[in-house]
Protein backbone atom coordinates (compact mmCIF):
# COMPACT_ATOMS: atom_id res chain seq x y z
CA UNK A 1 -30.66 32.23 56.31
CA UNK A 2 -28.08 29.89 54.56
CA UNK A 3 -29.07 26.57 53.18
CA UNK A 4 -27.14 24.72 55.58
CA UNK A 5 -28.90 26.71 58.79
CA UNK A 6 -32.43 26.17 56.94
CA UNK A 7 -31.71 22.08 56.63
CA UNK A 8 -30.75 21.75 60.15
CA UNK A 9 -33.59 23.63 61.08
CA UNK A 10 -35.99 21.52 59.11
CA UNK A 11 -34.41 18.53 60.52
CA UNK A 12 -35.19 14.86 59.26
CA UNK A 13 -37.97 14.42 56.51
CA UNK A 14 -37.72 17.94 55.22
CA UNK A 15 -40.13 17.74 52.48
CA UNK A 16 -42.67 16.55 55.20
CA UNK A 17 -41.87 19.47 57.55
CA UNK A 18 -42.08 21.69 54.41
CA UNK A 19 -45.67 20.44 53.97
CA UNK A 20 -46.67 21.15 57.64
CA UNK A 21 -45.11 24.57 57.48
CA UNK A 22 -46.81 25.51 54.27
CA UNK A 23 -50.13 24.47 55.86
CA UNK A 24 -49.50 25.87 59.17
CA UNK A 25 -48.65 29.14 57.49
CA UNK A 26 -51.44 28.99 55.07
CA UNK A 27 -53.90 28.55 58.30
CA UNK A 28 -52.12 31.90 59.57
CA UNK A 29 -52.58 33.82 56.56
CA UNK A 30 -56.33 32.75 56.51
CA UNK A 31 -56.50 33.91 60.03
CA UNK A 32 -55.11 37.10 59.43
CA UNK A 33 -57.21 37.97 56.70
CA UNK A 34 -60.61 36.66 58.05
CA UNK A 35 -59.86 38.39 61.65
CA UNK A 36 -60.07 42.11 60.08
CA UNK A 37 -62.70 41.27 57.90
CA UNK A 38 -65.07 40.43 60.50
CA UNK A 39 -63.93 43.34 62.50
CA UNK A 40 -64.46 45.84 59.96
CA UNK A 41 -67.78 44.62 59.12
CA UNK A 42 -68.80 45.12 62.76
CA UNK A 43 -67.72 48.50 62.89
CA UNK A 44 -70.19 51.33 63.03
CA UNK A 45 -67.66 54.36 62.76
CA UNK A 46 -66.71 57.52 60.91
CA UNK A 47 -62.84 57.38 60.29
CA UNK A 48 -61.22 60.57 60.69
CA UNK A 49 -57.94 62.00 61.77
CA UNK A 50 -55.33 59.48 62.44
CA UNK A 51 -57.68 56.47 61.99
CA UNK A 52 -58.23 57.51 58.49
CA UNK A 53 -54.70 59.51 57.55
CA UNK A 54 -52.79 56.28 56.30
CA UNK A 55 -55.84 54.86 54.45
CA UNK A 56 -55.90 58.16 52.68
CA UNK A 57 -52.33 58.31 51.80
CA UNK A 58 -52.38 54.65 50.73
CA UNK A 59 -55.35 55.61 48.34
CA UNK A 60 -53.60 58.59 46.89
CA UNK A 61 -50.39 56.48 46.38
CA UNK A 62 -52.40 53.92 44.78
CA UNK A 63 -53.83 56.16 42.36
CA UNK A 64 -50.47 57.42 41.66
CA UNK A 65 -49.26 53.94 41.10
CA UNK A 66 -51.97 52.94 38.73
CA UNK A 67 -51.40 55.91 36.44
CA UNK A 68 -47.48 55.44 36.57
CA UNK A 69 -45.08 53.47 38.76
CA UNK A 70 -42.66 56.47 38.64
CA UNK A 71 -44.96 58.28 40.04
CA UNK A 72 -45.45 56.29 42.73
CA UNK A 73 -41.53 56.08 43.50
CA UNK A 74 -41.30 59.91 42.98
CA UNK A 75 -44.36 60.24 45.59
CA UNK A 76 -42.46 58.33 47.91
CA UNK A 77 -39.42 59.82 47.84
CA UNK A 78 -40.99 63.43 48.01
CA UNK A 79 -42.79 62.45 51.46
CA UNK A 80 -39.70 61.48 53.27
CA UNK A 81 -39.42 64.90 54.86
CA UNK A 82 -43.09 64.91 55.89
CA UNK A 83 -44.67 64.06 58.87
CA UNK A 84 -46.75 61.12 57.54
CA UNK A 85 -44.63 59.50 54.55
CA UNK A 86 -45.50 57.08 52.19
CA UNK A 87 -42.89 54.52 52.83
CA UNK A 88 -45.33 52.16 54.32
CA UNK A 89 -47.43 52.09 51.52
CA UNK A 90 -44.64 50.15 49.11
CA UNK A 91 -45.28 46.48 49.89
CA UNK A 92 -49.10 47.34 49.59
CA UNK A 93 -49.61 48.63 46.36
CA UNK A 94 -49.87 45.86 44.28
CA UNK A 95 -52.77 44.38 46.40
CA UNK A 96 -54.64 47.56 46.85
CA UNK A 97 -54.07 48.57 42.88
CA UNK A 98 -55.96 45.11 42.28
CA UNK A 99 -58.41 44.73 45.19
CA UNK A 100 -59.29 48.44 45.55
CA UNK A 101 -58.83 50.33 48.68
CA UNK A 102 -61.97 49.81 51.01
CA UNK A 103 -61.23 49.58 54.53
CA UNK A 104 -61.15 45.83 54.83
CA UNK A 105 -58.65 45.69 52.07
CA UNK A 106 -56.44 48.48 53.65
CA UNK A 107 -56.64 46.52 57.01
CA UNK A 108 -56.07 43.15 55.64
CA UNK A 109 -53.01 44.33 53.74
CA UNK A 110 -51.36 45.93 56.80
CA UNK A 111 -52.18 42.45 58.67
CA UNK A 112 -50.87 40.14 55.62
CA UNK A 113 -47.73 42.20 54.84
CA UNK A 114 -46.85 43.35 58.33
CA UNK A 115 -48.80 41.76 61.14
CA UNK A 116 -48.06 38.02 60.10
CA UNK A 117 -44.30 38.38 59.38
CA UNK A 118 -43.90 40.41 62.79
CA UNK A 119 -45.90 37.55 64.44
CA UNK A 120 -43.26 34.88 62.59
CA UNK A 121 -40.50 36.97 63.48
CA UNK A 122 -41.18 36.58 67.13
CA UNK A 123 -41.38 32.84 66.52
CA UNK A 124 -37.80 32.79 65.10
CA UNK A 125 -36.44 34.93 68.10
CA UNK A 126 -38.14 32.71 70.38
CA UNK A 127 -36.24 29.70 69.06
CA UNK A 128 -32.92 31.68 70.20
CA UNK A 129 -34.28 32.19 73.56
CA UNK A 130 -36.36 28.95 74.57
CA UNK A 131 -34.61 25.64 74.93
CA UNK A 132 -37.12 23.61 73.60
CA UNK A 133 -37.70 21.89 69.95
CA UNK A 134 -37.25 24.88 67.45
CA UNK A 135 -40.33 24.29 65.51
CA UNK A 136 -42.87 23.75 67.94
CA UNK A 137 -41.32 26.85 69.69
CA UNK A 138 -41.59 28.85 66.41
CA UNK A 139 -45.23 27.90 65.58
CA UNK A 140 -46.61 28.22 69.24
CA UNK A 141 -45.07 31.84 69.36
CA UNK A 142 -46.18 32.77 66.27
CA UNK A 143 -49.83 31.62 66.88
CA UNK A 144 -49.62 33.05 70.57
CA UNK A 145 -48.65 36.46 69.20
CA UNK A 146 -51.72 36.68 66.89
CA UNK A 147 -53.93 36.02 69.63
CA UNK A 148 -52.93 39.01 71.75
CA UNK A 149 -55.07 41.94 71.25
CA UNK A 150 -52.44 44.40 71.81
CA UNK A 151 -50.53 43.38 68.93
CA UNK A 152 -53.68 43.57 66.61
CA UNK A 153 -54.81 47.04 67.96
CA UNK A 154 -52.55 49.46 65.76
CA UNK A 155 -53.48 47.54 62.69
CA UNK A 156 -57.26 47.22 63.22
CA UNK A 157 -56.71 51.15 63.79
CA UNK A 158 -55.29 51.57 60.31
CA UNK A 159 -51.81 52.27 61.47
CA UNK A 160 -48.49 50.83 60.28
CA UNK A 161 -46.74 50.55 63.44
CA UNK A 162 -46.42 46.73 63.55
CA UNK A 163 -44.24 47.55 60.22
CA UNK A 164 -41.99 49.48 62.28
CA UNK A 165 -42.14 46.87 64.89
CA UNK A 166 -41.49 44.28 62.41
CA UNK A 167 -38.02 46.07 61.53
CA UNK A 168 -37.13 46.07 65.00
CA UNK A 169 -37.71 42.42 65.94
CA UNK A 170 -35.84 41.72 62.49
CA UNK A 171 -32.98 43.65 64.09
CA UNK A 172 -33.02 41.67 67.05
CA UNK A 173 -33.23 38.28 65.46
CA UNK A 174 -30.13 39.43 62.94
CA UNK A 175 -28.12 40.21 66.55
CA UNK A 176 -29.03 36.68 67.76
CA UNK A 177 -28.40 34.60 64.67
CA UNK A 178 -24.75 34.68 64.92
CA UNK A 179 -23.93 32.10 62.31
CA UNK A 180 -26.52 33.81 59.61
CA UNK A 181 -23.78 36.48 58.09
CA UNK A 182 -20.28 37.65 58.71
CA UNK A 183 -20.16 40.26 61.70
CA UNK A 184 -19.61 43.23 59.66
CA UNK A 185 -22.31 42.71 57.40
CA UNK A 186 -24.64 41.85 60.56
CA UNK A 187 -23.71 45.11 62.10
CA UNK A 188 -24.77 47.22 58.94
CA UNK A 189 -27.88 45.31 58.46
CA UNK A 190 -29.06 45.56 61.97
CA UNK A 191 -28.14 49.70 61.62
CA UNK A 192 -30.19 49.78 58.46
CA UNK A 193 -33.22 47.75 60.24
CA UNK A 194 -33.12 50.27 63.00
CA UNK A 195 -33.34 53.51 61.03
CA UNK A 196 -36.05 51.84 58.72
CA UNK A 197 -38.16 51.42 61.51
CA UNK A 198 -37.62 55.17 62.69
CA UNK A 199 -38.29 56.21 59.19
CA UNK A 200 -41.78 54.15 59.06
CA UNK A 201 -42.94 55.54 62.50
CA UNK A 202 -40.68 58.35 64.10
CA UNK A 203 -41.58 57.42 67.62
CA UNK A 204 -39.72 54.02 66.80
CA UNK A 205 -36.44 56.06 68.00
CA UNK A 206 -37.47 55.16 71.39
CA UNK A 207 -37.14 51.29 70.46
CA UNK A 208 -33.91 52.02 68.84
CA UNK A 209 -32.62 53.41 72.11
CA UNK A 210 -33.87 50.52 73.89
CA UNK A 211 -32.34 47.82 71.40
CA UNK A 212 -28.78 49.23 71.27
CA UNK A 213 -29.15 49.92 75.39
CA UNK A 214 -30.33 46.24 75.73
CA UNK A 215 -27.05 44.92 73.31
CA UNK A 216 -24.82 47.08 75.39
CA UNK A 217 -26.51 45.66 78.47
CA UNK A 218 -25.97 42.49 77.07
CA UNK A 219 -22.37 42.74 75.84
CA UNK A 220 -21.34 43.96 79.66
CA UNK A 221 -22.96 40.66 81.02
CA UNK A 222 -20.86 38.59 78.35
CA UNK A 223 -17.57 40.54 79.06
CA UNK A 224 -18.04 39.98 83.12
CA UNK A 225 -18.56 36.40 82.64
CA UNK A 226 -15.68 35.83 80.25
CA UNK A 227 -13.18 37.99 81.65
CA UNK A 228 -12.91 35.65 84.69
CA UNK A 229 -11.31 32.83 82.64
CA UNK A 230 -9.63 34.41 79.66
CA UNK A 231 -8.76 38.44 80.37
CA UNK A 232 -6.93 38.97 77.36
CA UNK A 233 -9.85 37.10 74.90
CA UNK A 234 -12.52 38.87 76.80
CA UNK A 235 -10.83 42.27 76.10
CA UNK A 236 -10.20 41.39 72.55
CA UNK A 237 -13.85 39.98 71.80
C-alpha cells in the first residue's frame, strides 16, 4: 500500500490510531495462539493419514533447515512435483526450528502465519464493499472471521488450506484496490497469487476458476452500465 493510501486510511491522529491498531492486532495474535493451544490440549486423538501428513512434512523440513538452509531450499524445490509439496513450510520454519514441532507449535504456526493474515485480508476486502467507516469495518470483519468455526477447521486439523485461501483473498483485494499499483503490475501480481494458491493446495484450481469467472462477470456488468452513457469509452475500457 502506498504511503498516501495508508495515511488516508489512518485519518486524523495517526499515532493514536496506530497504537489502537497495534493493540487490536496484538489481541488477535494472542487469540489465534491460545485457541489452538486449548483445542489441542483437549484432544485425545492419534494423528494419522492427512491429519498427520503435513506435520510430518514440516518436521522433516525443519530437520533439513536446522542442518543447512541450503538443504531446506533444495527439499522445497524437489517437492514441487509431489502430491504434497513443502511450500507451506517455508514461513513456518523459523518458529518450528526454535520451539520444536509439537502438535501445539505446528497448529499455532499455521494459525499465526496463515489464518490471522487471512482474517486481516478479509477485513481489507470488506472495507472495499461495505460503505461504513473503514477502520471499524476492517477490525470487526477480522474479528468475526476468527469467530467462524468453518474458517478454523482446516487449521485445527493440521492442513495448510488457509494459506491457499489467503493467496486467493490477496488476489481479490489487489483486484479491488485499483489505486494500489499500476494496472499491468496488478494483472501479473493477481496471476502470481492465483497460481501460488494452486501450488499450495491443488484443489484451489476451482477457486481460480471462480475468481476469474467473478471478475469476468463484474467486467460485463460494469461494461453494460457504461455503454449506455459512452459507448466508445466503454469499449476502450
